[in-house]
Each structure stands twice: as structure tokens, then as C-alpha cells.
């Protein structure tokens, strides 16, 4: 059932619901990657349709194969003031130099 929706990685859980993320594209070739989400309710064994699609459109020239596309970290939760479930994405770029 989950495999059919293409959502295989767990983002998080909230109030008994489990948020899953799926992706397309190839990290190692630098092809842009697309992401979408599904919510699974294990109590009822139902899963939502895909929602929230976005893509990073990172294209890396072959001569820069050592560079890495940005990585995303996703979190799932509920906004108690509105009762709305939300997915938040943060991005970090391994190519950026930083110092502490």
C-alpha cells in the first residue's frame, strides 16, 4: 500500500498520523529532485493522496561531480491554534564553507 504511493521514508508522526516523503531524481548524477508527501493513518490503514510537491531544480555540470546538491530535512506537526497539520522543510548545502 505505501509502496504504491511512492512515499517510503518517515518524516515524523503526530496524533497517531505518520507523515511520509517520497522523492524522484538522482542525487548522485545531480538531476533535480522532486519531493511529495503522504499521511498514513495506521489505525484505519488508510493513506492520503500525494500532496505538497516541490522540486529543487539543482543541475550540476558533469565536471562538478564532486559537488553535492542541497539536502533537505523535513518535520511534521500540528498547529494547535488552527488544527492544521504542516510539513516544514529546511535545507542545508554541503558546498558552502562555514566557520564556527
PDB file of N, CA and C in Angstrom:
ATOM      1  N   UNK A   1       0.823  -1.184   0.000  1.00  0.00           N
ATOM      2  CA  UNK A   1       0.000   0.000   0.000  1.00  0.00           C
ATOM      3  C   UNK A   1       0.877   1.262   0.000  1.00  0.00           C
ATOM      4  N   UNK A   2       1.843   1.355   0.905  1.00  0.00           N
ATOM      5  CA  UNK A   2       2.706   2.535   0.962  1.00  0.00           C
ATOM      6  C   UNK A   2       3.604   2.614  -0.261  1.00  0.00           C
ATOM      7  N   UNK A   3       4.092   1.472  -0.693  1.00  0.00           N
ATOM      8  CA  UNK A   3       4.971   1.439  -1.863  1.00  0.00           C
ATOM      9  C   UNK A   3       4.245   1.951  -3.107  1.00  0.00           C
ATOM     10  N   UNK A   4       2.959   1.666  -3.211  1.00  0.00           N
ATOM     11  CA  UNK A   4       2.171   2.119  -4.357  1.00  0.00           C
ATOM     12  C   UNK A   4       2.099   3.637  -4.446  1.00  0.00           C
ATOM     13  N   UNK A   5       2.148   4.324  -3.318  1.00  0.00           N
ATOM     14  CA  UNK A   5       2.083   5.786  -3.290  1.00  0.00           C
ATOM     15  C   UNK A   5       3.452   6.417  -3.497  1.00  0.00           C
ATOM     16  N   UNK A   6       4.516   5.630  -3.419  1.00  0.00           N
ATOM     17  CA  UNK A   6       5.850   6.166  -3.611  1.00  0.00           C
ATOM     18  C   UNK A   6       6.387   6.930  -2.424  1.00  0.00           C
ATOM     19  N   UNK A   7       5.734   6.816  -1.291  1.00  0.00           N
ATOM     20  CA  UNK A   7       6.172   7.502  -0.073  1.00  0.00           C
ATOM     21  C   UNK A   7       6.759   6.454   0.863  1.00  0.00           C
ATOM     22  N   UNK A   8       8.075   6.411   0.950  1.00  0.00           N
ATOM     23  CA  UNK A   8       8.712   5.318   1.673  1.00  0.00           C
ATOM     24  C   UNK A   8       9.498   5.742   2.909  1.00  0.00           C
ATOM     25  N   UNK A   9       9.796   7.029   3.064  1.00  0.00           N
ATOM     26  CA  UNK A   9      10.607   7.476   4.193  1.00  0.00           C
ATOM     27  C   UNK A   9       9.754   8.246   5.189  1.00  0.00           C
ATOM     28  N   UNK A  10       9.941   7.965   6.461  1.00  0.00           N
ATOM     29  CA  UNK A  10       9.162   8.607   7.518  1.00  0.00           C
ATOM     30  C   UNK A  10       9.719   9.994   7.807  1.00  0.00           C
ATOM     31  N   UNK A  11       8.836  10.992   7.787  1.00  0.00           N
ATOM     32  CA  UNK A  11       9.189  12.357   8.178  1.00  0.00           C
ATOM     33  C   UNK A  11       9.003  12.507   9.676  1.00  0.00           C
ATOM     34  N   UNK A  12       7.865  12.036  10.184  1.00  0.00           N
ATOM     35  CA  UNK A  12       7.561  12.135  11.609  1.00  0.00           C
ATOM     36  C   UNK A  12       6.132  11.707  11.858  1.00  0.00           C
ATOM     37  N   UNK A  13       5.727  11.792  13.126  1.00  0.00           N
ATOM     38  CA  UNK A  13       4.364  11.424  13.476  1.00  0.00           C
ATOM     39  C   UNK A  13       3.777  12.462  14.422  1.00  0.00           C
ATOM     40  N   UNK A  14       2.457  12.545  14.414  1.00  0.00           N
ATOM     41  CA  UNK A  14       1.746  13.491  15.263  1.00  0.00           C
ATOM     42  C   UNK A  14       0.310  13.002  15.407  1.00  0.00           C
ATOM     43  N   UNK A  15      -0.169  12.910  16.638  1.00  0.00           N
ATOM     44  CA  UNK A  15      -1.551  12.497  16.910  1.00  0.00           C
ATOM     45  C   UNK A  15      -1.916  11.173  16.232  1.00  0.00           C
ATOM     46  N   UNK A  16      -0.976  10.258  16.159  1.00  0.00           N
ATOM     47  CA  UNK A  16      -1.229   8.947  15.573  1.00  0.00           C
ATOM     48  C   UNK A  16      -1.096   8.883  14.065  1.00  0.00           C
ATOM     49  N   UNK A  17      -0.886  10.012  13.417  1.00  0.00           N
ATOM     50  CA  UNK A  17      -0.699  10.043  11.966  1.00  0.00           C
ATOM     51  C   UNK A  17       0.789  10.033  11.654  1.00  0.00           C
ATOM     52  N   UNK A  18       1.158   9.363  10.587  1.00  0.00           N
ATOM     53  CA  UNK A  18       2.563   9.276  10.187  1.00  0.00           C
ATOM     54  C   UNK A  18       2.721   9.959   8.835  1.00  0.00           C
ATOM     55  N   UNK A  19       3.628  10.920   8.785  1.00  0.00           N
ATOM     56  CA  UNK A  19       3.909  11.629   7.536  1.00  0.00           C
ATOM     57  C   UNK A  19       5.075  10.942   6.840  1.00  0.00           C
ATOM     58  N   UNK A  20       4.904  10.698   5.554  1.00  0.00           N
ATOM     59  CA  UNK A  20       5.919  10.028   4.740  1.00  0.00           C
ATOM     60  C   UNK A  20       6.317  10.939   3.587  1.00  0.00           C
ATOM     61  N   UNK A  21       7.541  10.784   3.129  1.00  0.00           N
ATOM     62  CA  UNK A  21       8.020  11.559   1.983  1.00  0.00           C
ATOM     63  C   UNK A  21       8.516  10.605   0.904  1.00  0.00           C
ATOM     64  N   UNK A  22       8.273  10.974  -0.327  1.00  0.00           N
ATOM     65  CA  UNK A  22       8.811  10.255  -1.476  1.00  0.00           C
ATOM     66  C   UNK A  22       9.623  11.225  -2.303  1.00  0.00           C
ATOM     67  N   UNK A  23      10.516  10.710  -3.117  1.00  0.00           N
ATOM     68  CA  UNK A  23      11.297  11.597  -3.973  1.00  0.00           C
ATOM     69  C   UNK A  23      11.600  10.937  -5.303  1.00  0.00           C
ATOM     70  N   UNK A  24      11.956  11.782  -6.251  1.00  0.00           N
ATOM     71  CA  UNK A  24      12.367  11.322  -7.573  1.00  0.00           C
ATOM     72  C   UNK A  24      13.631  12.062  -7.941  1.00  0.00           C
ATOM     73  N   UNK A  25      14.277  11.618  -8.973  1.00  0.00           N
ATOM     74  CA  UNK A  25      15.541  12.220  -9.373  1.00  0.00           C
ATOM     75  C   UNK A  25      16.689  11.397  -8.822  1.00  0.00           C
ATOM     76  N   UNK A  26      17.884  11.805  -9.157  1.00  0.00           N
ATOM     77  CA  UNK A  26      19.066  11.043  -8.764  1.00  0.00           C
ATOM     78  C   UNK A  26      20.078  11.956  -8.095  1.00  0.00           C
ATOM     79  N   UNK A  27      20.292  11.742  -6.826  1.00  0.00           N
ATOM     80  CA  UNK A  27      21.214  12.551  -6.030  1.00  0.00           C
ATOM     81  C   UNK A  27      22.623  12.523  -6.610  1.00  0.00           C
ATOM     82  N   UNK A  28      23.069  11.372  -7.069  1.00  0.00           N
ATOM     83  CA  UNK A  28      24.461  11.210  -7.482  1.00  0.00           C
ATOM     84  C   UNK A  28      24.761  11.755  -8.874  1.00  0.00           C
ATOM     85  N   UNK A  29      23.760  11.868  -9.729  1.00  0.00           N
ATOM     86  CA  UNK A  29      24.000  12.437 -11.054  1.00  0.00           C
ATOM     87  C   UNK A  29      23.727  13.934 -11.080  1.00  0.00           C
ATOM     88  N   UNK A  30      23.180  14.468 -10.006  1.00  0.00           N
ATOM     89  CA  UNK A  30      22.888  15.889  -9.951  1.00  0.00           C
ATOM     90  C   UNK A  30      21.579  16.271 -10.610  1.00  0.00           C
ATOM     91  N   UNK A  31      20.799  15.277 -11.011  1.00  0.00           N
ATOM     92  CA  UNK A  31      19.491  15.555 -11.592  1.00  0.00           C
ATOM     93  C   UNK A  31      18.627  16.218 -10.517  1.00  0.00           C
ATOM     94  N   UNK A  32      17.762  17.132 -10.930  1.00  0.00           N
ATOM     95  CA  UNK A  32      16.916  17.770  -9.931  1.00  0.00           C
ATOM     96  C   UNK A  32      16.067  16.714  -9.235  1.00  0.00           C
ATOM     97  N   UNK A  33      15.706  17.010  -8.012  1.00  0.00           N
ATOM     98  CA  UNK A  33      14.916  16.073  -7.235  1.00  0.00           C
ATOM     99  C   UNK A  33      13.554  16.672  -6.917  1.00  0.00           C
ATOM    100  N   UNK A  34      12.537  15.856  -7.019  1.00  0.00           N
ATOM    101  CA  UNK A  34      11.189  16.254  -6.644  1.00  0.00           C
ATOM    102  C   UNK A  34      10.787  15.531  -5.371  1.00  0.00           C
ATOM    103  N   UNK A  35       9.982  16.177  -4.546  1.00  0.00           N
ATOM    104  CA  UNK A  35       9.538  15.607  -3.271  1.00  0.00           C
ATOM    105  C   UNK A  35       8.027  15.754  -3.158  1.00  0.00           C
ATOM    106  N   UNK A  36       7.394  14.786  -2.531  1.00  0.00           N
ATOM    107  CA  UNK A  36       5.971  14.844  -2.227  1.00  0.00           C
ATOM    108  C   UNK A  36       5.741  14.118  -0.914  1.00  0.00           C
ATOM    109  N   UNK A  37       4.557  14.302  -0.360  1.00  0.00           N
ATOM    110  CA  UNK A  37       4.248  13.769   0.962  1.00  0.00           C
ATOM    111  C   UNK A  37       2.939  13.004   0.935  1.00  0.00           C
ATOM    112  N   UNK A  38       2.792  12.095   1.888  1.00  0.00           N
ATOM    113  CA  UNK A  38       1.562  11.361   2.139  1.00  0.00           C
ATOM    114  C   UNK A  38       1.398  11.271   3.647  1.00  0.00           C
ATOM    115  N   UNK A  39       0.158  11.168   4.100  1.00  0.00           N
ATOM    116  CA  UNK A  39      -0.106  10.939   5.523  1.00  0.00           C
ATOM    117  C   UNK A  39      -0.772   9.582   5.644  1.00  0.00           C
ATOM    118  N   UNK A  40      -0.227   8.756   6.518  1.00  0.00           N
ATOM    119  CA  UNK A  40      -0.733   7.401   6.740  1.00  0.00           C
ATOM    120  C   UNK A  40      -1.360   7.334   8.116  1.00  0.00           C
ATOM    121  N   UNK A  41      -2.554   6.757   8.184  1.00  0.00           N
ATOM    122  CA  UNK A  41      -3.220   6.512   9.458  1.00  0.00           C
ATOM    123  C   UNK A  41      -3.184   5.008   9.704  1.00  0.00           C
ATOM    124  N   UNK A  42      -2.254   4.532  10.546  1.00  0.00           N
ATOM    125  CA  UNK A  42      -2.149   3.088  10.762  1.00  0.00           C
ATOM    126  C   UNK A  42      -3.373   2.485  11.444  1.00  0.00           C
ATOM    127  N   UNK A  43      -4.125   3.287  12.200  1.00  0.00           N
ATOM    128  CA  UNK A  43      -5.315   2.766  12.883  1.00  0.00           C
ATOM    129  C   UNK A  43      -6.394   2.369  11.884  1.00  0.00           C
ATOM    130  N   UNK A  44      -6.546   3.149  10.828  1.00  0.00           N
ATOM    131  CA  UNK A  44      -7.564   2.852   9.818  1.00  0.00           C
ATOM    132  C   UNK A  44      -6.971   2.213   8.564  1.00  0.00           C
ATOM    133  N   UNK A  45      -5.641   2.125   8.535  1.00  0.00           N
ATOM    134  CA  UNK A  45      -4.915   1.574   7.388  1.00  0.00           C
ATOM    135  C   UNK A  45      -5.221   2.321   6.091  1.00  0.00           C
ATOM    136  N   UNK A  46      -5.338   3.637   6.218  1.00  0.00           N
ATOM    137  CA  UNK A  46      -5.573   4.463   5.038  1.00  0.00           C
ATOM    138  C   UNK A  46      -4.389   5.395   4.835  1.00  0.00           C
ATOM    139  N   UNK A  47      -4.193   5.776   3.587  1.00  0.00           N
ATOM    140  CA  UNK A  47      -3.114   6.693   3.246  1.00  0.00           C
ATOM    141  C   UNK A  47      -3.667   7.762   2.310  1.00  0.00           C
ATOM    142  N   UNK A  48      -3.222   8.982   2.519  1.00  0.00           N
ATOM    143  CA  UNK A  48      -3.707  10.094   1.698  1.00  0.00           C
ATOM    144  C   UNK A  48      -3.116  10.022   0.295  1.00  0.00           C
ATOM    145  N   UNK A  49      -3.673  10.825  -0.576  1.00  0.00           N
ATOM    146  CA  UNK A  49      -3.068  11.037  -1.884  1.00  0.00           C
ATOM    147  C   UNK A  49      -1.792  11.853  -1.684  1.00  0.00           C
ATOM    148  N   UNK A  50      -0.927  11.855  -2.679  1.00  0.00           N
ATOM    149  CA  UNK A  50       0.286  12.679  -2.624  1.00  0.00           C
ATOM    150  C   UNK A  50      -0.112  14.149  -2.545  1.00  0.00           C
ATOM    151  N   UNK A  51       0.666  14.924  -1.787  1.00  0.00           N
ATOM    152  CA  UNK A  51       0.422  16.362  -1.712  1.00  0.00           C
ATOM    153  C   UNK A  51       1.746  17.086  -1.487  1.00  0.00           C
ATOM    154  N   UNK A  52       1.737  18.392  -1.695  1.00  0.00           N
ATOM    155  CA  UNK A  52       2.882  19.239  -1.372  1.00  0.00           C
ATOM    156  C   UNK A  52       4.094  19.033  -2.251  1.00  0.00           C
ATOM    157  N   UNK A  53       3.919  18.751  -3.532  1.00  0.00           N
ATOM    158  CA  UNK A  53       5.061  18.503  -4.404  1.00  0.00           C
ATOM    159  C   UNK A  53       5.907  19.760  -4.580  1.00  0.00           C
ATOM    160  N   UNK A  54       7.228  19.604  -4.502  1.00  0.00           N
ATOM    161  CA  UNK A  54       8.148  20.664  -4.901  1.00  0.00           C
ATOM    162  C   UNK A  54       9.418  20.016  -5.417  1.00  0.00           C
ATOM    163  N   UNK A  55      10.206  20.778  -6.174  1.00  0.00           N
ATOM    164  CA  UNK A  55      11.472  20.253  -6.686  1.00  0.00           C
ATOM    165  C   UNK A  55      12.558  21.293  -6.500  1.00  0.00           C
ATOM    166  N   UNK A  56      13.788  20.826  -6.383  1.00  0.00           N
ATOM    167  CA  UNK A  56      14.895  21.748  -6.106  1.00  0.00           C
ATOM    168  C   UNK A  56      15.584  22.255  -7.366  1.00  0.00           C
ATOM    169  N   UNK A  57      15.367  21.601  -8.502  1.00  0.00           N
ATOM    170  CA  UNK A  57      15.919  22.035  -9.786  1.00  0.00           C
ATOM    171  C   UNK A  57      17.425  22.288  -9.750  1.00  0.00           C
ATOM    172  N   UNK A  58      18.126  21.537  -8.952  1.00  0.00           N
ATOM    173  CA  UNK A  58      19.584  21.672  -8.906  1.00  0.00           C
ATOM    174  C   UNK A  58      20.174  20.863 -10.052  1.00  0.00           C
ATOM    175  N   UNK A  59      20.886  21.526 -10.920  1.00  0.00           N
ATOM    176  CA  UNK A  59      21.537  20.851 -12.050  1.00  0.00           C
ATOM    177  C   UNK A  59      23.033  21.070 -11.915  1.00  0.00           C
ATOM    178  N   UNK A  60      23.755  19.989 -11.844  1.00  0.00           N
ATOM    179  CA  UNK A  60      25.197  20.054 -11.627  1.00  0.00           C
ATOM    180  C   UNK A  60      25.922  19.591 -12.877  1.00  0.00           C
ATOM    181  N   UNK A  61      26.805  20.438 -13.440  1.00  0.00           N
ATOM    182  CA  UNK A  61      27.567  20.047 -14.631  1.00  0.00           C
ATOM    183  C   UNK A  61      28.429  18.814 -14.352  1.00  0.00           C
ATOM    184  N   UNK A  62      28.656  17.978 -15.362  1.00  0.00           N
ATOM    185  CA  UNK A  62      29.457  16.764 -15.169  1.00  0.00           C
ATOM    186  C   UNK A  62      30.842  17.040 -14.590  1.00  0.00           C
ATOM    187  N   UNK A  63      31.449  18.190 -14.910  1.00  0.00           N
ATOM    188  CA  UNK A  63      32.788  18.472 -14.394  1.00  0.00           C
ATOM    189  C   UNK A  63      32.773  18.887 -12.922  1.00  0.00           C
ATOM    190  N   UNK A  64      31.579  19.008 -12.347  1.00  0.00           N
ATOM    191  CA  UNK A  64      31.479  19.350 -10.928  1.00  0.00           C
ATOM    192  C   UNK A  64      30.833  18.207 -10.154  1.00  0.00           C
ATOM    193  N   UNK A  65      31.139  16.988 -10.568  1.00  0.00           N
ATOM    194  CA  UNK A  65      30.524  15.822  -9.939  1.00  0.00           C
ATOM    195  C   UNK A  65      30.868  15.683  -8.464  1.00  0.00           C
ATOM    196  N   UNK A  66      31.906  16.357  -7.999  1.00  0.00           N
ATOM    197  CA  UNK A  66      32.295  16.273  -6.600  1.00  0.00           C
ATOM    198  C   UNK A  66      31.406  17.146  -5.720  1.00  0.00           C
ATOM    199  N   UNK A  67      30.640  18.020  -6.328  1.00  0.00           N
ATOM    200  CA  UNK A  67      29.762  18.888  -5.550  1.00  0.00           C
ATOM    201  C   UNK A  67      28.472  18.152  -5.227  1.00  0.00           C
ATOM    202  N   UNK A  68      27.863  18.562  -4.143  1.00  0.00           N
ATOM    203  CA  UNK A  68      26.650  17.903  -3.674  1.00  0.00           C
ATOM    204  C   UNK A  68      25.448  18.832  -3.782  1.00  0.00           C
ATOM    205  N   UNK A  69      24.322  18.316  -4.236  1.00  0.00           N
ATOM    206  CA  UNK A  69      23.097  19.117  -4.221  1.00  0.00           C
ATOM    207  C   UNK A  69      22.677  19.388  -2.775  1.00  0.00           C
ATOM    208  N   UNK A  70      21.841  20.385  -2.549  1.00  0.00           N
ATOM    209  CA  UNK A  70      21.371  20.659  -1.189  1.00  0.00           C
ATOM    210  C   UNK A  70      20.622  19.457  -0.615  1.00  0.00           C
ATOM    211  N   UNK A  71      20.673  19.317   0.677  1.00  0.00           N
ATOM    212  CA  UNK A  71      19.948  18.259   1.382  1.00  0.00           C
ATOM    213  C   UNK A  71      18.807  18.886   2.164  1.00  0.00           C
ATOM    214  N   UNK A  72      17.716  18.160   2.271  1.00  0.00           N
ATOM    215  CA  UNK A  72      16.540  18.659   2.965  1.00  0.00           C
ATOM    216  C   UNK A  72      16.260  17.820   4.200  1.00  0.00           C
ATOM    217  N   UNK A  73      15.784  18.493   5.225  1.00  0.00           N
ATOM    218  CA  UNK A  73      15.333  17.850   6.450  1.00  0.00           C
ATOM    219  C   UNK A  73      13.873  18.260   6.626  1.00  0.00           C
ATOM    220  N   UNK A  74      12.990  17.296   6.824  1.00  0.00           N
ATOM    221  CA  UNK A  74      11.562  17.570   6.939  1.00  0.00           C
ATOM    222  C   UNK A  74      11.082  17.258   8.350  1.00  0.00           C
ATOM    223  N   UNK A  75      10.131  18.051   8.829  1.00  0.00           N
ATOM    224  CA  UNK A  75       9.478  17.832  10.124  1.00  0.00           C
ATOM    225  C   UNK A  75       7.975  17.919   9.915  1.00  0.00           C
ATOM    226  N   UNK A  76       7.228  17.173  10.734  1.00  0.00           N
ATOM    227  CA  UNK A  76       5.776  17.089  10.630  1.00  0.00           C
ATOM    228  C   UNK A  76       5.171  17.396  11.985  1.00  0.00           C
ATOM    229  N   UNK A  77       4.134  18.211  12.001  1.00  0.00           N
ATOM    230  CA  UNK A  77       3.475  18.534  13.262  1.00  0.00           C
ATOM    231  C   UNK A  77       2.115  19.157  13.028  1.00  0.00           C
ATOM    232  N   UNK A  78       1.479  19.531  14.131  1.00  0.00           N
ATOM    233  CA  UNK A  78       0.153  20.121  14.084  1.00  0.00           C
ATOM    234  C   UNK A  78       0.197  21.514  14.699  1.00  0.00           C
ATOM    235  N   UNK A  79      -0.391  22.472  14.012  1.00  0.00           N
ATOM    236  CA  UNK A  79      -0.548  23.827  14.538  1.00  0.00           C
ATOM    237  C   UNK A  79      -1.801  23.811  15.405  1.00  0.00           C
ATOM    238  N   UNK A  80      -1.618  23.811  16.722  1.00  0.00           N
ATOM    239  CA  UNK A  80      -2.752  23.694  17.641  1.00  0.00           C
ATOM    240  C   UNK A  80      -3.712  24.876  17.564  1.00  0.00           C
ATOM    241  N   UNK A  81      -3.239  26.033  17.129  1.00  0.00           N
ATOM    242  CA  UNK A  81      -4.127  27.197  17.053  1.00  0.00           C
ATOM    243  C   UNK A  81      -5.128  27.083  15.908  1.00  0.00           C
ATOM    244  N   UNK A  82      -4.780  26.328  14.868  1.00  0.00           N
ATOM    245  CA  UNK A  82      -5.679  26.178  13.717  1.00  0.00           C
ATOM    246  C   UNK A  82      -6.123  24.735  13.482  1.00  0.00           C
ATOM    247  N   UNK A  83      -5.462  23.777  14.141  1.00  0.00           N
ATOM    248  CA  UNK A  83      -5.772  22.368  13.915  1.00  0.00           C
ATOM    249  C   UNK A  83      -5.272  21.859  12.579  1.00  0.00           C
ATOM    250  N   UNK A  84      -4.334  22.571  11.989  1.00  0.00           N
ATOM    251  CA  UNK A  84      -3.796  22.226  10.676  1.00  0.00           C
ATOM    252  C   UNK A  84      -2.480  21.472  10.814  1.00  0.00           C
ATOM    253  N   UNK A  85      -2.363  20.376  10.071  1.00  0.00           N
ATOM    254  CA  UNK A  85      -1.097  19.644  10.039  1.00  0.00           C
ATOM    255  C   UNK A  85      -0.179  20.301   9.024  1.00  0.00           C
ATOM    256  N   UNK A  86       1.109  20.355   9.363  1.00  0.00           N
ATOM    257  CA  UNK A  86       2.061  21.046   8.498  1.00  0.00           C
ATOM    258  C   UNK A  86       3.344  20.244   8.355  1.00  0.00           C
ATOM    259  N   UNK A  87       3.973  20.403   7.197  1.00  0.00           N
ATOM    260  CA  UNK A  87       5.304  19.861   6.946  1.00  0.00           C
ATOM    261  C   UNK A  87       6.225  21.059   6.756  1.00  0.00           C
ATOM    262  N   UNK A  88       7.345  21.047   7.467  1.00  0.00           N
ATOM    263  CA  UNK A  88       8.333  22.113   7.350  1.00  0.00           C
ATOM    264  C   UNK A  88       9.599  21.512   6.752  1.00  0.00           C
ATOM    265  N   UNK A  89      10.173  22.214   5.784  1.00  0.00           N
ATOM    266  CA  UNK A  89      11.414  21.763   5.151  1.00  0.00           C
ATOM    267  C   UNK A  89      12.523  22.750   5.470  1.00  0.00           C
ATOM    268  N   UNK A  90      13.677  22.211   5.835  1.00  0.00           N
ATOM    269  CA  UNK A  90      14.870  23.048   5.970  1.00  0.00           C
ATOM    270  C   UNK A  90      15.917  22.487   5.015  1.00  0.00           C
ATOM    271  N   UNK A  91      16.770  23.359   4.536  1.00  0.00           N
ATOM    272  CA  UNK A  91      17.752  22.974   3.535  1.00  0.00           C
ATOM    273  C   UNK A  91      19.140  23.343   4.013  1.00  0.00           C
ATOM    274  N   UNK A  92      20.087  22.467   3.783  1.00  0.00           N
ATOM    275  CA  UNK A  92      21.481  22.806   4.037  1.00  0.00           C
ATOM    276  C   UNK A  92      22.304  22.391   2.831  1.00  0.00           C
ATOM    277  N   UNK A  93      23.340  23.160   2.578  1.00  0.00           N
ATOM    278  CA  UNK A  93      24.156  22.983   1.387  1.00  0.00           C
ATOM    279  C   UNK A  93      25.558  22.564   1.803  1.00  0.00           C
ATOM    280  N   UNK A  94      25.956  21.358   1.448  1.00  0.00           N
ATOM    281  CA  UNK A  94      27.273  20.839   1.813  1.00  0.00           C
ATOM    282  C   UNK A  94      28.400  21.545   1.072  1.00  0.00           C
ATOM    283  N   UNK A  95      28.069  22.324   0.051  1.00  0.00           N
ATOM    284  CA  UNK A  95      29.089  23.031  -0.717  1.00  0.00           C
ATOM    285  C   UNK A  95      29.521  24.339  -0.062  1.00  0.00           C
ATOM    286  N   UNK A  96      28.723  24.836   0.852  1.00  0.00           N
ATOM    287  CA  UNK A  96      29.025  26.114   1.489  1.00  0.00           C
ATOM    288  C   UNK A  96      30.099  25.942   2.547  1.00  0.00           C
ATOM    289  N   UNK A  97      31.057  26.838   2.541  1.00  0.00           N
ATOM    290  CA  UNK A  97      32.079  26.832   3.581  1.00  0.00           C
ATOM    291  C   UNK A  97      31.555  27.648   4.754  1.00  0.00           C
ATOM    292  N   UNK A  98      31.799  27.160   5.937  1.00  0.00           N
ATOM    293  CA  UNK A  98      31.369  27.900   7.118  1.00  0.00           C
ATOM    294  C   UNK A  98      32.395  27.723   8.215  1.00  0.00           C
ATOM    295  N   UNK A  99      32.388  28.632   9.147  1.00  0.00           N
ATOM    296  CA  UNK A  99      33.278  28.534  10.300  1.00  0.00           C
ATOM    297  C   UNK A  99      32.482  28.823  11.551  1.00  0.00           C
ATOM    298  N   UNK A 100      32.948  28.261  12.646  1.00  0.00           N
ATOM    299  CA  UNK A 100      32.246  28.448  13.924  1.00  0.00           C
ATOM    300  C   UNK A 100      33.046  29.381  14.797  1.00  0.00           C
TER     301      UNK A 100
END
